[in-house]
Amino acid sequence: MATRIKSKTKYFCNDKEKLKEFIKSEGFIFKSSTLENDEYFLDTNFEMIDNDSCIRVRTVNNKDVILSFEGIVKNLSQIDIRDSRNVNLDISQKDNIISFLSDMGYYKYVSMNILKETFVKKDKEYYYSISIDTIENVGEFVDFDIYTDVEDKGAINNIFYDFERKVESCVKEHVNSKYRDYTSKYLYKNFLKGEFLNRILIELDKIFVNLDAYNIEDSIKDNLTMLNLELIEKLEQIGINIEIVYSNSDEIMVNTLKKILNKIGYNPKFINIKEIKEIAIKETLIIEKQKKIEFSEIAFMVLINKQ
């Protein structure tokens, strides 16, 4: 485990090309352009959110995987002191790692694709990194990081102020949250209709993972299925109506499911797809293959933003 001192700030970007010209004029050197897929996992008790910590699975350029844990942060002005652990993995191990996290009781909170263009500069005391980050379906941002072994808050703050003064025409206000949290709130407001969301209809096979029609009782004990059922309960406790959509061909299986679930203390609501009118679909239906958001992500976005 390594401890690092890092000072950083993020901004909304409104003129990427002009910003690139400034970066080069300041002596920054282009380092890399990478495509990152970040998947964040949290616990259901929200202790990690409260402590500003998380587990992240990052896939770089569709080939390298980095499993990271970031611990509790001590805030000192713009300086973060953070304990972190990183493990490099082969891409073939990714699915097993995500299954392992699910088995341990961690849910996917949010995922995002980021095109990151990074420029760096180094002097005697500081290492600077500026990245222009394009988050798919969300927007463009600037991430300015300074690494140092010397904790000099005044000097570091002056560097930030000078940077902001010079690029005021290229960037807008600060992003006052981490990308993962900003993206979650953005998707919540734009995809899940924000505060107006009070009903979620979701496909049967998105809740009951690996459901076996011939051995229902054992197959619903799948860890992901049980986690989904817990999330449904949490959402219903805050007033979100969850209904699981099934077709006519699944009716016998659903009746069996209801009996088995009732025995183990779960009573989710089911609705036949023929009962859903077109207007209801437009207003309330959330299906991952359309929105590209998993049920656990939907649940966490609602739970966290409703707090």
C-alpha atoms as a PDB file:
ATOM      1  CA  MET A   1       0.000   0.000   0.000  1.00  0.00           C
ATOM      2  CA  ALA A   2       1.363   3.382  -1.032  1.00  0.00           C
ATOM      3  CA  THR A   3       0.563   6.796   0.393  1.00  0.00           C
ATOM      4  CA  ARG A   4       0.682   9.717  -1.983  1.00  0.00           C
ATOM      5  CA  ILE A   5       0.153  13.445  -1.678  1.00  0.00           C
ATOM      6  CA  LYS A   6      -1.768  14.797  -4.608  1.00  0.00           C
ATOM      7  CA  SER A   7      -3.316  18.152  -5.314  1.00  0.00           C
ATOM      8  CA  LYS A   8      -5.927  18.311  -8.017  1.00  0.00           C
ATOM      9  CA  THR A   9      -8.855  20.207  -9.402  1.00  0.00           C
ATOM     10  CA  LYS A  10     -11.325  19.599 -12.220  1.00  0.00           C
ATOM     11  CA  TYR A  11     -13.202  21.943 -14.525  1.00  0.00           C
ATOM     12  CA  PHE A  12     -15.870  21.811 -17.196  1.00  0.00           C
ATOM     13  CA  CYS A  13     -14.238  22.371 -20.594  1.00  0.00           C
ATOM     14  CA  ASN A  14     -15.824  24.572 -23.260  1.00  0.00           C
ATOM     15  CA  ASP A  15     -13.003  24.958 -25.805  1.00  0.00           C
ATOM     16  CA  LYS A  16     -10.805  21.895 -26.057  1.00  0.00           C
ATOM     17  CA  GLU A  17      -8.710  23.003 -29.040  1.00  0.00           C
ATOM     18  CA  LYS A  18      -7.862  26.391 -27.534  1.00  0.00           C
ATOM     19  CA  LEU A  19      -6.943  24.689 -24.278  1.00  0.00           C
ATOM     20  CA  LYS A  20      -4.579  22.345 -26.113  1.00  0.00           C
ATOM     21  CA  GLU A  21      -2.799  25.337 -27.654  1.00  0.00           C
ATOM     22  CA  PHE A  22      -2.285  26.867 -24.216  1.00  0.00           C
ATOM     23  CA  ILE A  23      -1.034  23.594 -22.753  1.00  0.00           C
ATOM     24  CA  LYS A  24       1.632  23.275 -25.432  1.00  0.00           C
ATOM     25  CA  SER A  25       2.682  26.916 -25.074  1.00  0.00           C
ATOM     26  CA  GLU A  26       3.299  26.288 -21.352  1.00  0.00           C
ATOM     27  CA  GLY A  27       5.823  23.551 -22.105  1.00  0.00           C
ATOM     28  CA  PHE A  28       3.615  20.541 -21.454  1.00  0.00           C
ATOM     29  CA  ILE A  29       4.457  17.431 -23.457  1.00  0.00           C
ATOM     30  CA  PHE A  30       1.813  15.102 -24.856  1.00  0.00           C
ATOM     31  CA  LYS A  31       2.030  11.844 -22.933  1.00  0.00           C
ATOM     32  CA  SER A  32      -0.799   9.596 -24.069  1.00  0.00           C
ATOM     33  CA  SER A  33      -4.304   9.177 -25.366  1.00  0.00           C
ATOM     34  CA  THR A  34      -6.176   6.356 -23.707  1.00  0.00           C
ATOM     35  CA  LEU A  35      -9.676   4.952 -23.631  1.00  0.00           C
ATOM     36  CA  GLU A  36     -10.677   3.992 -20.111  1.00  0.00           C
ATOM     37  CA  ASN A  37     -13.738   2.072 -19.042  1.00  0.00           C
ATOM     38  CA  ASP A  38     -14.241   2.644 -15.310  1.00  0.00           C
ATOM     39  CA  GLU A  39     -16.627   0.527 -13.252  1.00  0.00           C
ATOM     40  CA  TYR A  40     -17.141   1.570  -9.626  1.00  0.00           C
ATOM     41  CA  PHE A  41     -18.362  -0.741  -6.885  1.00  0.00           C
ATOM     42  CA  LEU A  42     -19.769   0.147  -3.470  1.00  0.00           C
ATOM     43  CA  ASP A  43     -21.238  -1.611  -0.459  1.00  0.00           C
ATOM     44  CA  THR A  44     -24.972  -1.558   0.234  1.00  0.00           C
ATOM     45  CA  ASN A  45     -24.571   0.046   3.660  1.00  0.00           C
ATOM     46  CA  PHE A  46     -23.149   3.202   2.025  1.00  0.00           C
ATOM     47  CA  GLU A  47     -20.149   3.177   4.371  1.00  0.00           C
ATOM     48  CA  MET A  48     -17.826   3.585   1.385  1.00  0.00           C
ATOM     49  CA  ILE A  49     -19.795   6.585   0.112  1.00  0.00           C
ATOM     50  CA  ASP A  50     -19.680   8.155   3.573  1.00  0.00           C
ATOM     51  CA  ASN A  51     -15.902   7.628   3.699  1.00  0.00           C
ATOM     52  CA  ASP A  52     -15.360   8.740   0.091  1.00  0.00           C
ATOM     53  CA  SER A  53     -13.830   5.390  -0.800  1.00  0.00           C
ATOM     54  CA  CYS A  54     -14.566   2.906  -3.554  1.00  0.00           C
ATOM     55  CA  ILE A  55     -13.432  -0.124  -5.522  1.00  0.00           C
ATOM     56  CA  ARG A  56     -12.740   0.541  -9.183  1.00  0.00           C
ATOM     57  CA  VAL A  57     -12.172  -1.811 -12.103  1.00  0.00           C
ATOM     58  CA  ARG A  58     -10.497   0.137 -14.902  1.00  0.00           C
ATOM     59  CA  THR A  59      -9.991  -1.295 -18.390  1.00  0.00           C
ATOM     60  CA  VAL A  60      -7.423   0.629 -20.452  1.00  0.00           C
ATOM     61  CA  ASN A  61      -7.565   0.483 -24.245  1.00  0.00           C
ATOM     62  CA  ASN A  62      -9.639  -2.708 -24.016  1.00  0.00           C
ATOM     63  CA  LYS A  63      -6.648  -4.789 -22.943  1.00  0.00           C
ATOM     64  CA  ASP A  64      -5.202  -3.871 -19.535  1.00  0.00           C
ATOM     65  CA  VAL A  65      -7.226  -4.091 -16.314  1.00  0.00           C
ATOM     66  CA  ILE A  66      -6.400  -2.326 -13.052  1.00  0.00           C
ATOM     67  CA  LEU A  67      -8.240  -3.204  -9.852  1.00  0.00           C
ATOM     68  CA  SER A  68      -8.030  -0.309  -7.380  1.00  0.00           C
ATOM     69  CA  PHE A  69      -9.133   0.409  -3.855  1.00  0.00           C
ATOM     70  CA  GLU A  70      -9.035   3.991  -2.686  1.00  0.00           C
ATOM     71  CA  GLY A  71      -9.309   4.481   1.057  1.00  0.00           C
ATOM     72  CA  ILE A  72     -10.445   7.268   3.309  1.00  0.00           C
ATOM     73  CA  VAL A  73      -9.332  10.721   2.193  1.00  0.00           C
ATOM     74  CA  LYS A  74      -8.060  13.461   4.487  1.00  0.00           C
ATOM     75  CA  ASN A  75      -8.937  16.819   2.947  1.00  0.00           C
ATOM     76  CA  LEU A  76      -6.357  19.587   3.244  1.00  0.00           C
ATOM     77  CA  SER A  77      -7.525  22.466   1.061  1.00  0.00           C
ATOM     78  CA  GLN A  78      -7.133  21.122  -2.486  1.00  0.00           C
ATOM     79  CA  ILE A  79      -4.653  18.511  -1.286  1.00  0.00           C
ATOM     80  CA  ASP A  80      -5.859  14.934  -0.928  1.00  0.00           C
ATOM     81  CA  ILE A  81      -3.936  12.432   1.170  1.00  0.00           C
ATOM     82  CA  ARG A  82      -5.143   9.037   0.078  1.00  0.00           C
ATOM     83  CA  ASP A  83      -4.202   5.442   0.722  1.00  0.00           C
ATOM     84  CA  SER A  84      -4.539   3.406  -2.448  1.00  0.00           C
ATOM     85  CA  ARG A  85      -3.972  -0.119  -3.644  1.00  0.00           C
ATOM     86  CA  ASN A  86      -3.658  -1.109  -7.288  1.00  0.00           C
ATOM     87  CA  VAL A  87      -3.457  -4.571  -8.803  1.00  0.00           C
ATOM     88  CA  ASN A  88      -2.710  -5.086 -12.502  1.00  0.00           C
ATOM     89  CA  LEU A  89      -4.708  -7.875 -14.115  1.00  0.00           C
ATOM     90  CA  ASP A  90      -5.051  -9.578 -17.465  1.00  0.00           C
ATOM     91  CA  ILE A  91      -8.213  -8.785 -19.430  1.00  0.00           C
ATOM     92  CA  SER A  92      -9.183 -12.467 -19.217  1.00  0.00           C
ATOM     93  CA  GLN A  93      -9.525 -12.095 -15.429  1.00  0.00           C
ATOM     94  CA  LYS A  94     -11.995  -9.206 -15.540  1.00  0.00           C
ATOM     95  CA  ASP A  95     -15.249 -11.179 -15.486  1.00  0.00           C
ATOM     96  CA  ASN A  96     -13.992 -13.333 -12.618  1.00  0.00           C
ATOM     97  CA  ILE A  97     -12.996 -10.241 -10.626  1.00  0.00           C
ATOM     98  CA  ILE A  98     -16.410  -8.632 -11.111  1.00  0.00           C
ATOM     99  CA  SER A  99     -18.122 -11.887 -10.095  1.00  0.00           C
ATOM    100  CA  PHE A 100     -15.879 -12.047  -7.037  1.00  0.00           C
ATOM    101  CA  LEU A 101     -16.833  -8.496  -6.031  1.00  0.00           C
ATOM    102  CA  SER A 102     -20.512  -9.382  -6.407  1.00  0.00           C
ATOM    103  CA  ASP A 103     -20.007 -12.472  -4.258  1.00  0.00           C
ATOM    104  CA  MET A 104     -18.440 -10.238  -1.607  1.00  0.00           C
ATOM    105  CA  GLY A 105     -21.529  -8.002  -1.582  1.00  0.00           C
ATOM    106  CA  TYR A 106     -20.379  -5.085  -3.720  1.00  0.00           C
ATOM    107  CA  TYR A 107     -22.708  -3.533  -6.293  1.00  0.00           C
ATOM    108  CA  LYS A 108     -21.816  -1.712  -9.471  1.00  0.00           C
ATOM    109  CA  TYR A 109     -22.507   1.940  -8.711  1.00  0.00           C
ATOM    110  CA  VAL A 110     -21.687   3.567 -12.030  1.00  0.00           C
ATOM    111  CA  SER A 111     -19.671   2.852 -15.177  1.00  0.00           C
ATOM    112  CA  MET A 112     -18.329   5.255 -17.757  1.00  0.00           C
ATOM    113  CA  ASN A 113     -16.159   5.435 -20.860  1.00  0.00           C
ATOM    114  CA  ILE A 114     -13.515   8.165 -20.823  1.00  0.00           C
ATOM    115  CA  LEU A 115     -11.241   9.306 -23.640  1.00  0.00           C
ATOM    116  CA  LYS A 116      -8.278  10.768 -21.752  1.00  0.00           C
ATOM    117  CA  GLU A 117      -5.684  12.971 -23.494  1.00  0.00           C
ATOM    118  CA  THR A 118      -2.835  13.593 -21.061  1.00  0.00           C
ATOM    119  CA  PHE A 119      -0.092  16.264 -21.080  1.00  0.00           C
ATOM    120  CA  VAL A 120       2.695  16.427 -18.479  1.00  0.00           C
ATOM    121  CA  LYS A 121       5.461  18.727 -17.250  1.00  0.00           C
ATOM    122  CA  LYS A 122       8.064  18.387 -14.497  1.00  0.00           C
ATOM    123  CA  ASP A 123      10.263  20.782 -12.568  1.00  0.00           C
ATOM    124  CA  LYS A 124      12.382  20.497  -9.434  1.00  0.00           C
ATOM    125  CA  GLU A 125       9.567  20.212  -6.899  1.00  0.00           C
ATOM    126  CA  TYR A 126       6.420  19.396  -8.848  1.00  0.00           C
ATOM    127  CA  TYR A 127       5.116  16.977 -11.421  1.00  0.00           C
ATOM    128  CA  TYR A 128       2.140  18.407 -13.359  1.00  0.00           C
ATOM    129  CA  SER A 129      -0.448  16.495 -15.313  1.00  0.00           C
ATOM    130  CA  ILE A 130      -3.309  17.971 -17.338  1.00  0.00           C
ATOM    131  CA  SER A 131      -5.796  15.656 -18.955  1.00  0.00           C
ATOM    132  CA  ILE A 132      -8.692  16.542 -21.212  1.00  0.00           C
ATOM    133  CA  ASP A 133     -11.347  13.966 -20.396  1.00  0.00           C
ATOM    134  CA  THR A 134     -14.288  13.253 -22.668  1.00  0.00           C
ATOM    135  CA  ILE A 135     -16.884  11.174 -20.816  1.00  0.00           C
ATOM    136  CA  GLU A 136     -19.189   9.426 -23.243  1.00  0.00           C
ATOM    137  CA  ASN A 137     -22.755  10.800 -23.171  1.00  0.00           C
ATOM    138  CA  VAL A 138     -21.818  13.261 -20.411  1.00  0.00           C
ATOM    139  CA  GLY A 139     -19.353  15.927 -21.593  1.00  0.00           C
ATOM    140  CA  GLU A 140     -15.768  17.263 -21.652  1.00  0.00           C
ATOM    141  CA  PHE A 141     -13.685  18.069 -18.581  1.00  0.00           C
ATOM    142  CA  VAL A 142     -10.204  19.184 -17.586  1.00  0.00           C
ATOM    143  CA  ASP A 143      -8.364  17.393 -14.802  1.00  0.00           C
ATOM    144  CA  PHE A 144      -5.294  19.277 -13.477  1.00  0.00           C
ATOM    145  CA  ASP A 145      -3.118  17.298 -11.038  1.00  0.00           C
ATOM    146  CA  ILE A 146       0.028  18.281  -9.163  1.00  0.00           C
ATOM    147  CA  TYR A 147       2.179  15.687  -7.412  1.00  0.00           C
ATOM    148  CA  THR A 148       4.793  16.670  -4.848  1.00  0.00           C
ATOM    149  CA  ASP A 149       6.673  15.395  -1.821  1.00  0.00           C
ATOM    150  CA  VAL A 150       6.436  18.810  -0.205  1.00  0.00           C
ATOM    151  CA  GLU A 151       3.178  19.946   1.410  1.00  0.00           C
ATOM    152  CA  ASP A 152       3.076  23.643   0.596  1.00  0.00           C
ATOM    153  CA  LYS A 153      -0.586  24.588   0.322  1.00  0.00           C
ATOM    154  CA  GLY A 154       0.084  28.243  -0.438  1.00  0.00           C
ATOM    155  CA  ALA A 155       2.414  27.558  -3.345  1.00  0.00           C
ATOM    156  CA  ILE A 156       0.134  24.902  -4.789  1.00  0.00           C
ATOM    157  CA  ASN A 157      -2.941  27.118  -4.552  1.00  0.00           C
ATOM    158  CA  ASN A 158      -1.058  29.880  -6.380  1.00  0.00           C
ATOM    159  CA  ILE A 159      -0.320  27.458  -9.239  1.00  0.00           C
ATOM    160  CA  PHE A 160      -4.016  26.673  -9.538  1.00  0.00           C
ATOM    161  CA  TYR A 161      -5.028  30.335  -9.439  1.00  0.00           C
ATOM    162  CA  ASP A 162      -2.508  31.177 -12.171  1.00  0.00           C
ATOM    163  CA  PHE A 163      -3.740  28.282 -14.294  1.00  0.00           C
ATOM    164  CA  GLU A 164      -7.386  29.341 -13.917  1.00  0.00           C
ATOM    165  CA  ARG A 165      -6.572  32.927 -14.822  1.00  0.00           C
ATOM    166  CA  LYS A 166      -4.813  31.888 -18.028  1.00  0.00           C
ATOM    167  CA  VAL A 167      -7.445  29.430 -19.234  1.00  0.00           C
ATOM    168  CA  GLU A 168     -10.608  31.242 -18.150  1.00  0.00           C
ATOM    169  CA  SER A 169     -11.821  31.399 -21.756  1.00  0.00           C
ATOM    170  CA  CYS A 170     -11.322  27.629 -22.209  1.00  0.00           C
ATOM    171  CA  VAL A 171     -12.848  26.248 -19.027  1.00  0.00           C
ATOM    172  CA  LYS A 172     -15.936  26.926 -17.006  1.00  0.00           C
ATOM    173  CA  GLU A 173     -16.536  26.456 -13.296  1.00  0.00           C
ATOM    174  CA  HIS A 174     -15.031  23.764 -11.084  1.00  0.00           C
ATOM    175  CA  VAL A 175     -16.427  20.260 -11.022  1.00  0.00           C
ATOM    176  CA  ASN A 176     -16.933  19.912  -7.285  1.00  0.00           C
ATOM    177  CA  SER A 177     -17.323  16.153  -7.223  1.00  0.00           C
ATOM    178  CA  LYS A 178     -15.517  13.114  -8.522  1.00  0.00           C
ATOM    179  CA  TYR A 179     -16.298  11.984 -12.056  1.00  0.00           C
ATOM    180  CA  ARG A 180     -18.058   8.902 -10.749  1.00  0.00           C
ATOM    181  CA  ASP A 181     -20.427  10.981  -8.598  1.00  0.00           C
ATOM    182  CA  TYR A 182     -20.994  13.666 -11.226  1.00  0.00           C
ATOM    183  CA  THR A 183     -21.748  11.011 -13.857  1.00  0.00           C
ATOM    184  CA  SER A 184     -24.151   9.242 -11.515  1.00  0.00           C
ATOM    185  CA  LYS A 185     -26.049  12.476 -10.840  1.00  0.00           C
ATOM    186  CA  TYR A 186     -26.040  13.381 -14.535  1.00  0.00           C
ATOM    187  CA  LEU A 187     -27.476  10.008 -15.545  1.00  0.00           C
ATOM    188  CA  TYR A 188     -29.962  10.165 -12.691  1.00  0.00           C
ATOM    189  CA  LYS A 189     -31.310  13.507 -13.888  1.00  0.00           C
ATOM    190  CA  ASN A 190     -31.154  12.876 -17.635  1.00  0.00           C
ATOM    191  CA  PHE A 191     -31.865   9.158 -17.996  1.00  0.00           C
ATOM    192  CA  LEU A 192     -33.872   8.344 -14.876  1.00  0.00           C
ATOM    193  CA  LYS A 193     -35.851  11.597 -14.821  1.00  0.00           C
ATOM    194  CA  GLY A 194     -34.448  12.644 -11.469  1.00  0.00           C
ATOM    195  CA  GLU A 195     -36.893  13.568  -8.737  1.00  0.00           C
ATOM    196  CA  PHE A 196     -39.871  12.602 -10.913  1.00  0.00           C
ATOM    197  CA  LEU A 197     -38.858   8.934 -10.980  1.00  0.00           C
ATOM    198  CA  ASN A 198     -41.276   6.895  -8.880  1.00  0.00           C
ATOM    199  CA  ARG A 199     -41.729   3.726 -10.889  1.00  0.00           C
ATOM    200  CA  ILE A 200     -39.289   1.275 -12.443  1.00  0.00           C
ATOM    201  CA  LEU A 201     -40.316  -1.578 -14.733  1.00  0.00           C
ATOM    202  CA  ILE A 202     -37.510  -3.995 -15.439  1.00  0.00           C
ATOM    203  CA  GLU A 203     -37.179  -7.229 -17.392  1.00  0.00           C
ATOM    204  CA  LEU A 204     -37.360 -10.546 -15.587  1.00  0.00           C
ATOM    205  CA  ASP A 205     -33.926 -11.765 -16.668  1.00  0.00           C
ATOM    206  CA  LYS A 206     -32.283  -8.542 -15.472  1.00  0.00           C
ATOM    207  CA  ILE A 207     -33.294  -9.361 -11.889  1.00  0.00           C
ATOM    208  CA  PHE A 208     -33.114 -13.151 -11.862  1.00  0.00           C
ATOM    209  CA  VAL A 209     -29.638 -13.859 -13.188  1.00  0.00           C
ATOM    210  CA  ASN A 210     -29.007 -17.370 -14.560  1.00  0.00           C
ATOM    211  CA  LEU A 211     -32.585 -18.407 -13.803  1.00  0.00           C
ATOM    212  CA  ASP A 212     -33.185 -22.110 -14.510  1.00  0.00           C
ATOM    213  CA  ALA A 213     -36.837 -22.870 -15.242  1.00  0.00           C
ATOM    214  CA  TYR A 214     -36.270 -26.518 -14.281  1.00  0.00           C
ATOM    215  CA  ASN A 215     -34.547 -25.782 -10.983  1.00  0.00           C
ATOM    216  CA  ILE A 216     -35.949 -22.424  -9.871  1.00  0.00           C
ATOM    217  CA  GLU A 217     -35.406 -22.861  -6.139  1.00  0.00           C
ATOM    218  CA  ASP A 218     -31.656 -23.349  -6.434  1.00  0.00           C
ATOM    219  CA  SER A 219     -31.072 -20.912  -9.282  1.00  0.00           C
ATOM    220  CA  ILE A 220     -32.604 -17.935  -7.455  1.00  0.00           C
ATOM    221  CA  LYS A 221     -29.932 -18.362  -4.792  1.00  0.00           C
ATOM    222  CA  ASP A 222     -27.452 -16.929  -7.287  1.00  0.00           C
ATOM    223  CA  ASN A 223     -25.532 -14.133  -5.531  1.00  0.00           C
ATOM    224  CA  LEU A 224     -26.399 -11.483  -8.120  1.00  0.00           C
ATOM    225  CA  THR A 225     -30.081 -12.392  -7.931  1.00  0.00           C
ATOM    226  CA  MET A 226     -30.116 -12.116  -4.150  1.00  0.00           C
ATOM    227  CA  LEU A 227     -28.335  -8.758  -4.318  1.00  0.00           C
ATOM    228  CA  ASN A 228     -30.906  -7.522  -6.825  1.00  0.00           C
ATOM    229  CA  LEU A 229     -33.747  -8.560  -4.541  1.00  0.00           C
ATOM    230  CA  GLU A 230     -32.139  -6.647  -1.667  1.00  0.00           C
ATOM    231  CA  LEU A 231     -31.876  -3.569  -3.864  1.00  0.00           C
ATOM    232  CA  ILE A 232     -35.544  -3.853  -4.821  1.00  0.00           C
ATOM    233  CA  GLU A 233     -36.435  -3.843  -1.123  1.00  0.00           C
ATOM    234  CA  LYS A 234     -34.291  -0.752  -0.503  1.00  0.00           C
ATOM    235  CA  LEU A 235     -35.897   1.102  -3.408  1.00  0.00           C
ATOM    236  CA  GLU A 236     -39.395   0.213  -2.247  1.00  0.00           C
ATOM    237  CA  GLN A 237     -38.563   1.485   1.240  1.00  0.00           C
ATOM    238  CA  ILE A 238     -38.012   4.976  -0.196  1.00  0.00           C
ATOM    239  CA  GLY A 239     -41.217   4.902  -2.208  1.00  0.00           C
ATOM    240  CA  ILE A 240     -40.049   3.675  -5.628  1.00  0.00           C
ATOM    241  CA  ASN A 241     -42.491   1.197  -7.144  1.00  0.00           C
ATOM    242  CA  ILE A 242     -40.594  -1.716  -8.740  1.00  0.00           C
ATOM    243  CA  GLU A 243     -42.370  -4.129 -11.094  1.00  0.00           C
ATOM    244  CA  ILE A 244     -40.705  -7.056 -12.843  1.00  0.00           C
ATOM    245  CA  VAL A 245     -41.901  -7.484 -16.421  1.00  0.00           C
ATOM    246  CA  TYR A 246     -42.595 -10.961 -17.807  1.00  0.00           C
ATOM    247  CA  SER A 247     -44.223 -12.370 -20.937  1.00  0.00           C
ATOM    248  CA  ASN A 248     -47.079 -14.861 -21.339  1.00  0.00           C
ATOM    249  CA  SER A 249     -44.602 -17.679 -21.884  1.00  0.00           C
ATOM    250  CA  ASP A 250     -43.099 -17.039 -18.432  1.00  0.00           C
ATOM    251  CA  GLU A 251     -46.391 -17.036 -16.525  1.00  0.00           C
ATOM    252  CA  ILE A 252     -46.136 -20.541 -15.024  1.00  0.00           C
ATOM    253  CA  MET A 253     -42.534 -19.938 -13.988  1.00  0.00           C
ATOM    254  CA  VAL A 254     -43.450 -16.593 -12.389  1.00  0.00           C
ATOM    255  CA  ASN A 255     -46.191 -18.203 -10.318  1.00  0.00           C
ATOM    256  CA  THR A 256     -43.656 -20.724  -9.028  1.00  0.00           C
ATOM    257  CA  LEU A 257     -41.169 -17.918  -8.396  1.00  0.00           C
ATOM    258  CA  LYS A 258     -43.682 -16.006  -6.288  1.00  0.00           C
ATOM    259  CA  LYS A 259     -44.280 -19.006  -4.013  1.00  0.00           C
ATOM    260  CA  ILE A 260     -40.577 -19.736  -3.532  1.00  0.00           C
ATOM    261  CA  LEU A 261     -39.688 -16.069  -2.921  1.00  0.00           C
ATOM    262  CA  ASN A 262     -42.492 -15.703  -0.405  1.00  0.00           C
ATOM    263  CA  LYS A 263     -41.037 -18.576   1.611  1.00  0.00           C
ATOM    264  CA  ILE A 264     -37.671 -16.819   1.915  1.00  0.00           C
ATOM    265  CA  GLY A 265     -39.164 -13.424   2.714  1.00  0.00           C
ATOM    266  CA  TYR A 266     -39.203 -11.636  -0.655  1.00  0.00           C
ATOM    267  CA  ASN A 267     -42.366 -10.330  -2.297  1.00  0.00           C
ATOM    268  CA  PRO A 268     -41.435  -8.369  -5.426  1.00  0.00           C
ATOM    269  CA  LYS A 269     -44.217  -7.221  -7.745  1.00  0.00           C
ATOM    270  CA  PHE A 270     -44.584  -8.767 -11.211  1.00  0.00           C
ATOM    271  CA  ILE A 271     -46.421  -7.384 -14.225  1.00  0.00           C
ATOM    272  CA  ASN A 272     -47.300  -9.069 -17.530  1.00  0.00           C
ATOM    273  CA  ILE A 273     -45.976  -7.107 -20.480  1.00  0.00           C
ATOM    274  CA  LYS A 274     -49.431  -7.131 -22.081  1.00  0.00           C
ATOM    275  CA  GLU A 275     -50.610  -4.876 -19.230  1.00  0.00           C
ATOM    276  CA  ILE A 276     -48.079  -2.181 -20.097  1.00  0.00           C
ATOM    277  CA  LYS A 277     -49.488   0.449 -22.406  1.00  0.00           C
ATOM    278  CA  GLU A 278     -47.245   2.423 -24.769  1.00  0.00           C
ATOM    279  CA  ILE A 279     -47.492   5.607 -22.696  1.00  0.00           C
ATOM    280  CA  ALA A 280     -46.402   3.742 -19.574  1.00  0.00           C
ATOM    281  CA  ILE A 281     -43.366   2.373 -21.377  1.00  0.00           C
ATOM    282  CA  LYS A 282     -42.290   5.847 -22.458  1.00  0.00           C
ATOM    283  CA  GLU A 283     -42.634   7.273 -18.960  1.00  0.00           C
ATOM    284  CA  THR A 284     -41.374   4.540 -16.685  1.00  0.00           C
ATOM    285  CA  LEU A 285     -39.716   1.581 -18.405  1.00  0.00           C
ATOM    286  CA  ILE A 286     -35.981   1.199 -17.841  1.00  0.00           C
ATOM    287  CA  ILE A 287     -34.316  -1.614 -19.775  1.00  0.00           C
ATOM    288  CA  GLU A 288     -30.538  -1.992 -19.767  1.00  0.00           C
ATOM    289  CA  LYS A 289     -30.222  -2.929 -23.423  1.00  0.00           C
ATOM    290  CA  GLN A 290     -31.770   0.435 -24.261  1.00  0.00           C
ATOM    291  CA  LYS A 291     -30.148   2.634 -21.635  1.00  0.00           C
ATOM    292  CA  LYS A 292     -26.937   0.612 -21.189  1.00  0.00           C
ATOM    293  CA  ILE A 293     -27.322   0.906 -17.418  1.00  0.00           C
ATOM    294  CA  GLU A 294     -27.367  -2.148 -15.159  1.00  0.00           C
ATOM    295  CA  PHE A 295     -30.024  -2.601 -12.508  1.00  0.00           C
ATOM    296  CA  SER A 296     -27.543  -2.137  -9.658  1.00  0.00           C
ATOM    297  CA  GLU A 297     -26.447   1.175 -11.228  1.00  0.00           C
ATOM    298  CA  ILE A 298     -30.063   2.307 -11.503  1.00  0.00           C
ATOM    299  CA  ALA A 299     -30.702   1.334  -7.890  1.00  0.00           C
ATOM    300  CA  PHE A 300     -27.628   3.083  -6.517  1.00  0.00           C
ATOM    301  CA  MET A 301     -28.290   6.247  -8.505  1.00  0.00           C
ATOM    302  CA  VAL A 302     -31.792   6.414  -7.052  1.00  0.00           C
ATOM    303  CA  LEU A 303     -30.788   5.475  -3.491  1.00  0.00           C
ATOM    304  CA  ILE A 304     -27.864   7.889  -3.275  1.00  0.00           C
ATOM    305  CA  ASN A 305     -29.596  10.814  -4.938  1.00  0.00           C
ATOM    306  CA  LYS A 306     -32.755  10.339  -2.880  1.00  0.00           C
ATOM    307  CA  GLN A 307     -30.799  10.573   0.390  1.00  0.00           C
END
